């Protein structure tokens, strides 16, 4: 087997979703619509939160940051794929691939952290309602977002720098529609034990921390809700968490499916489909989940659309 030093690698080739030329326009149109809906939906959430004074609370502050993150995450992958389909060129430079992988890791990790922060917000709102504004001050909210961004960036840089130490073979075709970390590592000819070990160790800590925080928060929330005497009060308290629970469930189920399918399956199609749910479809669904299940958000969106 021929080896190519990592400094000599000029480009990778990304997977075509289909080799049938007649299906390419359909795929292009489908992903273009998904991308536009994602941008429009999340942008409306941001504008509604910014323009409506009733939504200037920690809960909606974090929601607007989640929407911005979803826009960035979708922009990291979909536009490149659309351009590749349009010009019939699936190549991506080595630096471009590492950059895309790094940015996707940053915003994917930030989504993970923001969901944990939003769970903490719901915990304070339900378990300590009288101290809600005292605990979650504007300064603390900003610090939580910045800290989430910091640890997500460190996490992404760690994996990216470890990929730089690898050497790659002459077969540089990535069986994916974007430069996904696990798939890039699989192309290496040098020893990847440290990289794979790092993925599992860091993922256990980086993902495990937020997951533990979410589980703890909702354990306390459920305990507090069960102590509310009236059914109406219980329903009202639980309804404020419904949207967040839906998004958290979709995020972690799809993320877990992505990494399990990558570990146990070599099927490119299965890996692509599961990753699409994780990094494309979920970002499109988030605005609908939060707007359809939230009266305040629906009212703010109606007001915003009327003004527009």
Protein backbone atom coordinates (compact mmCIF):
# COMPACT_ATOMS: atom_id res chain seq x y z
CA UNK A 1 0.00 0.00 0.00
CA UNK A 2 1.31 3.42 -0.92
CA UNK A 3 1.53 6.04 1.77
CA UNK A 4 1.21 9.75 1.33
CA UNK A 5 2.61 12.08 3.95
CA UNK A 6 0.07 14.37 5.56
CA UNK A 7 1.91 17.47 4.24
CA UNK A 8 1.50 16.15 0.66
CA UNK A 9 -2.26 15.67 0.88
CA UNK A 10 -3.91 18.35 -1.27
CA UNK A 11 -7.58 17.38 -1.24
CA UNK A 12 -10.25 14.87 -0.25
CA UNK A 13 -13.26 13.68 -2.22
CA UNK A 14 -16.68 13.78 -0.59
CA UNK A 15 -19.38 11.20 -1.25
CA UNK A 16 -22.00 11.87 -3.88
CA UNK A 17 -25.44 11.20 -2.42
CA UNK A 18 -26.36 9.53 -5.69
CA UNK A 19 -24.51 8.64 -8.87
CA UNK A 20 -27.66 9.06 -10.96
CA UNK A 21 -27.36 12.40 -12.82
CA UNK A 22 -31.15 12.66 -13.07
CA UNK A 23 -31.48 12.67 -9.26
CA UNK A 24 -28.94 15.44 -8.73
CA UNK A 25 -31.39 18.33 -9.40
CA UNK A 26 -33.89 16.77 -6.98
CA UNK A 27 -31.27 16.42 -4.23
CA UNK A 28 -30.04 19.96 -4.88
CA UNK A 29 -33.57 21.36 -4.63
CA UNK A 30 -34.36 19.32 -1.51
CA UNK A 31 -31.29 20.48 0.40
CA UNK A 32 -31.68 24.04 -0.81
CA UNK A 33 -35.24 24.11 0.58
CA UNK A 34 -34.08 22.53 3.86
CA UNK A 35 -31.31 25.12 4.17
CA UNK A 36 -33.57 28.08 3.38
CA UNK A 37 -36.25 26.87 5.82
CA UNK A 38 -33.57 26.40 8.50
CA UNK A 39 -32.19 29.90 7.99
CA UNK A 40 -35.62 31.55 7.80
CA UNK A 41 -37.08 29.67 10.79
CA UNK A 42 -34.14 30.30 13.10
CA UNK A 43 -33.79 33.91 11.93
CA UNK A 44 -37.44 34.55 12.77
CA UNK A 45 -36.86 33.15 16.27
CA UNK A 46 -33.88 35.49 16.76
CA UNK A 47 -35.79 38.53 15.44
CA UNK A 48 -38.84 37.72 17.56
CA UNK A 49 -36.78 37.42 20.74
CA UNK A 50 -34.86 40.62 19.93
CA UNK A 51 -37.90 42.73 19.03
CA UNK A 52 -40.40 41.63 21.71
CA UNK A 53 -39.71 42.99 25.20
CA UNK A 54 -41.79 40.20 26.75
CA UNK A 55 -39.20 37.70 25.52
CA UNK A 56 -36.22 39.43 27.10
CA UNK A 57 -35.77 36.66 29.66
CA UNK A 58 -32.98 34.08 30.17
CA UNK A 59 -35.09 31.32 28.59
CA UNK A 60 -35.50 33.16 25.30
CA UNK A 61 -31.98 34.56 25.42
CA UNK A 62 -30.64 30.99 25.36
CA UNK A 63 -33.18 30.04 22.68
CA UNK A 64 -31.96 32.84 20.41
CA UNK A 65 -28.37 31.64 20.85
CA UNK A 66 -29.46 28.08 20.02
CA UNK A 67 -31.14 29.37 16.85
CA UNK A 68 -28.00 31.27 15.85
CA UNK A 69 -25.93 28.15 16.49
CA UNK A 70 -28.30 26.09 14.29
CA UNK A 71 -27.83 28.59 11.45
CA UNK A 72 -24.05 28.33 11.77
CA UNK A 73 -24.07 24.54 11.97
CA UNK A 74 -26.22 24.19 8.85
CA UNK A 75 -24.08 26.74 6.99
CA UNK A 76 -20.98 24.71 7.79
CA UNK A 77 -22.12 21.73 5.71
CA UNK A 78 -25.03 22.38 3.33
CA UNK A 79 -23.70 25.26 1.14
CA UNK A 80 -20.53 23.32 0.30
CA UNK A 81 -22.62 20.30 -0.70
CA UNK A 82 -24.92 22.46 -2.86
CA UNK A 83 -21.94 24.02 -4.65
CA UNK A 84 -20.40 20.58 -5.22
CA UNK A 85 -23.63 19.30 -6.78
CA UNK A 86 -23.97 22.39 -8.96
CA UNK A 87 -20.42 22.34 -10.36
CA UNK A 88 -20.14 18.52 -10.32
CA UNK A 89 -16.96 18.61 -8.24
CA UNK A 90 -16.86 16.69 -4.96
CA UNK A 91 -13.31 17.67 -4.04
CA UNK A 92 -12.43 19.66 -0.94
CA UNK A 93 -8.96 20.87 -0.03
CA UNK A 94 -7.13 19.38 2.91
CA UNK A 95 -7.23 22.69 4.78
CA UNK A 96 -10.87 23.18 3.80
CA UNK A 97 -11.74 19.73 5.08
CA UNK A 98 -10.01 20.28 8.43
CA UNK A 99 -11.66 23.71 8.73
CA UNK A 100 -15.12 22.29 8.02
CA UNK A 101 -14.54 19.46 10.48
CA UNK A 102 -13.33 21.88 13.16
CA UNK A 103 -16.22 24.33 12.74
CA UNK A 104 -18.78 21.49 12.69
CA UNK A 105 -17.31 20.16 15.95
CA UNK A 106 -17.45 23.62 17.52
CA UNK A 107 -21.10 24.27 16.72
CA UNK A 108 -22.13 20.67 17.34
CA UNK A 109 -20.48 20.84 20.76
CA UNK A 110 -21.99 24.25 21.45
CA UNK A 111 -25.46 22.86 20.75
CA UNK A 112 -24.75 20.12 23.29
CA UNK A 113 -23.74 22.69 25.91
CA UNK A 114 -26.59 25.10 25.18
CA UNK A 115 -29.16 22.35 25.69
CA UNK A 116 -27.65 21.69 29.13
CA UNK A 117 -27.70 25.41 29.95
CA UNK A 118 -31.35 25.60 28.90
CA UNK A 119 -32.12 22.63 31.17
CA UNK A 120 -30.51 24.54 34.04
CA UNK A 121 -32.67 27.55 33.15
CA UNK A 122 -35.83 25.41 33.41
CA UNK A 123 -34.57 23.93 36.70
CA UNK A 124 -34.15 27.38 38.26
CA UNK A 125 -37.49 28.61 36.85
CA UNK A 126 -39.49 25.70 38.29
CA UNK A 127 -37.57 24.77 41.41
CA UNK A 128 -36.59 28.32 42.49
CA UNK A 129 -39.16 30.59 40.78
CA UNK A 130 -38.87 33.46 43.31
CA UNK A 131 -35.10 33.62 42.82
CA UNK A 132 -35.15 33.12 39.04
CA UNK A 133 -34.11 36.65 38.05
CA UNK A 134 -31.66 36.86 40.96
CA UNK A 135 -29.85 33.64 40.00
CA UNK A 136 -29.94 33.96 36.21
CA UNK A 137 -28.71 37.50 35.83
CA UNK A 138 -27.88 38.86 32.35
CA UNK A 139 -24.19 38.67 33.22
CA UNK A 140 -24.41 35.00 34.21
CA UNK A 141 -26.39 34.17 31.05
CA UNK A 142 -23.68 35.71 28.86
CA UNK A 143 -20.94 33.95 30.83
CA UNK A 144 -22.69 30.57 30.45
CA UNK A 145 -22.85 31.02 26.67
CA UNK A 146 -19.23 32.18 26.43
CA UNK A 147 -18.02 29.31 28.62
CA UNK A 148 -19.97 26.85 26.45
CA UNK A 149 -18.33 28.32 23.34
CA UNK A 150 -14.89 28.14 24.97
CA UNK A 151 -15.04 24.48 25.94
CA UNK A 152 -16.59 23.58 22.55
CA UNK A 153 -13.72 25.34 20.77
CA UNK A 154 -11.10 23.60 22.92
CA UNK A 155 -12.79 20.26 22.26
CA UNK A 156 -12.81 20.87 18.49
CA UNK A 157 -9.21 22.12 18.35
CA UNK A 158 -7.99 19.10 20.29
CA UNK A 159 -9.43 16.67 17.73
CA UNK A 160 -8.32 18.81 14.76
CA UNK A 161 -4.73 19.05 15.98
CA UNK A 162 -4.64 15.30 16.56
CA UNK A 163 -5.78 14.73 12.95
CA UNK A 164 -2.85 16.86 11.74
CA UNK A 165 -0.41 14.25 13.09
CA UNK A 166 -1.86 11.54 10.82
CA UNK A 167 -0.62 10.40 7.43
CA UNK A 168 -3.14 9.56 4.74
CA UNK A 169 -3.29 6.96 1.98
CA UNK A 170 -3.78 7.59 -1.72
CA UNK A 171 -7.47 6.68 -1.35
CA UNK A 172 -8.85 9.94 0.00
CA UNK A 173 -12.56 9.51 -0.69
CA UNK A 174 -14.65 10.37 2.37
CA UNK A 175 -17.90 8.34 2.45
CA UNK A 176 -19.85 11.33 3.69
CA UNK A 177 -21.34 14.61 2.48
CA UNK A 178 -19.06 16.61 4.79
CA UNK A 179 -15.74 16.12 6.57
CA UNK A 180 -16.90 14.19 9.61
CA UNK A 181 -14.19 13.45 12.18
CA UNK A 182 -14.61 9.66 12.40
CA UNK A 183 -14.71 9.24 8.61
CA UNK A 184 -11.57 11.35 8.11
CA UNK A 185 -9.66 9.34 10.72
CA UNK A 186 -10.67 6.09 8.97
CA UNK A 187 -8.76 7.25 5.86
CA UNK A 188 -5.44 7.52 7.72
CA UNK A 189 -2.65 5.05 7.01
CA UNK A 190 -0.81 5.80 10.24
CA UNK A 191 -1.79 4.49 13.66
CA UNK A 192 -5.13 6.01 14.75
CA UNK A 193 -5.39 4.34 18.16
CA UNK A 194 -4.74 7.58 20.05
CA UNK A 195 -7.27 9.47 17.91
CA UNK A 196 -9.98 6.85 18.41
CA UNK A 197 -9.24 6.60 22.13
CA UNK A 198 -9.43 10.38 22.39
CA UNK A 199 -12.82 10.42 20.65
CA UNK A 200 -14.34 8.05 23.22
CA UNK A 201 -12.63 9.59 26.26
CA UNK A 202 -13.37 13.20 25.37
CA UNK A 203 -16.89 12.35 24.20
CA UNK A 204 -17.55 10.65 27.53
CA UNK A 205 -16.48 13.78 29.41
CA UNK A 206 -17.65 16.47 27.00
CA UNK A 207 -21.04 14.90 26.26
CA UNK A 208 -21.39 13.15 29.60
CA UNK A 209 -21.21 16.39 31.60
CA UNK A 210 -24.13 18.10 29.84
CA UNK A 211 -26.16 14.87 29.78
CA UNK A 212 -25.67 14.46 33.53
CA UNK A 213 -26.65 18.11 34.01
CA UNK A 214 -29.82 17.64 31.96
CA UNK A 215 -30.78 14.45 33.80
CA UNK A 216 -30.15 16.06 37.20
CA UNK A 217 -32.13 19.17 36.24
CA UNK A 218 -35.14 17.21 35.07
CA UNK A 219 -35.01 14.89 38.08
CA UNK A 220 -35.35 17.96 40.29
CA UNK A 221 -37.99 19.46 37.99
CA UNK A 222 -40.17 16.34 38.05
CA UNK A 223 -39.81 16.15 41.83
CA UNK A 224 -40.94 19.77 42.18
CA UNK A 225 -43.84 19.35 39.75
CA UNK A 226 -45.15 16.31 41.62
CA UNK A 227 -45.33 18.44 44.78
CA UNK A 228 -47.68 20.93 43.10
CA UNK A 229 -51.19 20.18 44.46
CA UNK A 230 -53.33 21.13 41.44
CA UNK A 231 -53.30 19.31 38.09
CA UNK A 232 -53.54 22.65 36.32
CA UNK A 233 -50.42 23.87 38.07
CA UNK A 234 -48.55 20.69 37.22
CA UNK A 235 -49.53 20.93 33.56
CA UNK A 236 -48.52 24.60 33.34
CA UNK A 237 -45.14 23.92 34.93
CA UNK A 238 -44.43 20.89 32.77
CA UNK A 239 -45.59 22.63 29.56
CA UNK A 240 -42.74 25.14 29.89
CA UNK A 241 -40.32 22.21 29.49
CA UNK A 242 -42.11 20.40 26.65
CA UNK A 243 -40.27 22.05 23.77
CA UNK A 244 -36.87 21.63 25.40
CA UNK A 245 -37.52 17.96 26.18
CA UNK A 246 -38.48 17.35 22.54
CA UNK A 247 -35.32 19.01 21.20
CA UNK A 248 -33.08 17.26 23.74
CA UNK A 249 -34.60 13.86 22.90
CA UNK A 250 -34.14 14.37 19.15
CA UNK A 251 -30.59 15.68 19.56
CA UNK A 252 -29.22 12.92 21.77
CA UNK A 253 -31.07 10.07 20.07
CA UNK A 254 -29.78 11.12 16.64
CA UNK A 255 -26.26 11.86 17.95
CA UNK A 256 -26.10 8.46 19.64
CA UNK A 257 -27.36 6.79 16.46
CA UNK A 258 -24.69 8.56 14.37
CA UNK A 259 -21.79 7.34 16.48
CA UNK A 260 -23.19 3.86 16.95
CA UNK A 261 -23.76 3.47 13.20
CA UNK A 262 -20.22 4.71 12.52
CA UNK A 263 -18.82 2.18 14.97
CA UNK A 264 -20.77 -0.91 13.91
CA UNK A 265 -21.64 -0.22 10.28
CA UNK A 266 -19.48 0.41 7.21
CA UNK A 267 -22.49 1.36 5.09
CA UNK A 268 -21.95 4.90 3.73
CA UNK A 269 -25.67 5.36 3.07
CA UNK A 270 -26.64 4.53 6.67
CA UNK A 271 -23.96 6.87 8.03
CA UNK A 272 -25.10 9.69 5.74
CA UNK A 273 -28.79 9.27 6.62
CA UNK A 274 -28.18 9.26 10.37
CA UNK A 275 -25.84 12.24 10.14
CA UNK A 276 -28.41 14.17 8.10
CA UNK A 277 -30.85 13.79 10.99
CA UNK A 278 -28.21 15.01 13.43
CA UNK A 279 -26.69 17.94 11.55
CA UNK A 280 -29.33 18.97 8.97
CA UNK A 281 -32.92 17.98 9.83
CA UNK A 282 -32.79 18.75 13.55
CA UNK A 283 -31.65 22.34 12.90
CA UNK A 284 -34.65 22.81 10.61
CA UNK A 285 -37.11 21.34 13.13
CA UNK A 286 -36.00 23.31 16.21
CA UNK A 287 -37.82 26.57 15.30
CA UNK A 288 -41.06 24.68 14.62
CA UNK A 289 -40.81 22.77 17.91
CA UNK A 290 -40.28 25.92 19.97
CA UNK A 291 -42.80 28.08 18.12
CA UNK A 292 -45.65 25.57 17.87
CA UNK A 293 -45.52 24.58 21.56
CA UNK A 294 -45.03 28.08 23.01
CA UNK A 295 -47.83 30.66 23.17
CA UNK A 296 -45.52 33.59 23.86
CA UNK A 297 -43.32 32.69 20.92
CA UNK A 298 -46.31 32.25 18.59
CA UNK A 299 -47.65 35.66 19.64
CA UNK A 300 -44.24 37.29 19.10
CA UNK A 301 -43.87 35.66 15.67
CA UNK A 302 -47.34 36.79 14.59
CA UNK A 303 -46.50 40.33 15.70
CA UNK A 304 -43.16 40.21 13.88
CA UNK A 305 -44.66 38.87 10.64
CA UNK A 306 -47.35 41.58 10.77
CA UNK A 307 -44.66 44.26 11.08
CA UNK A 308 -42.69 42.74 8.22
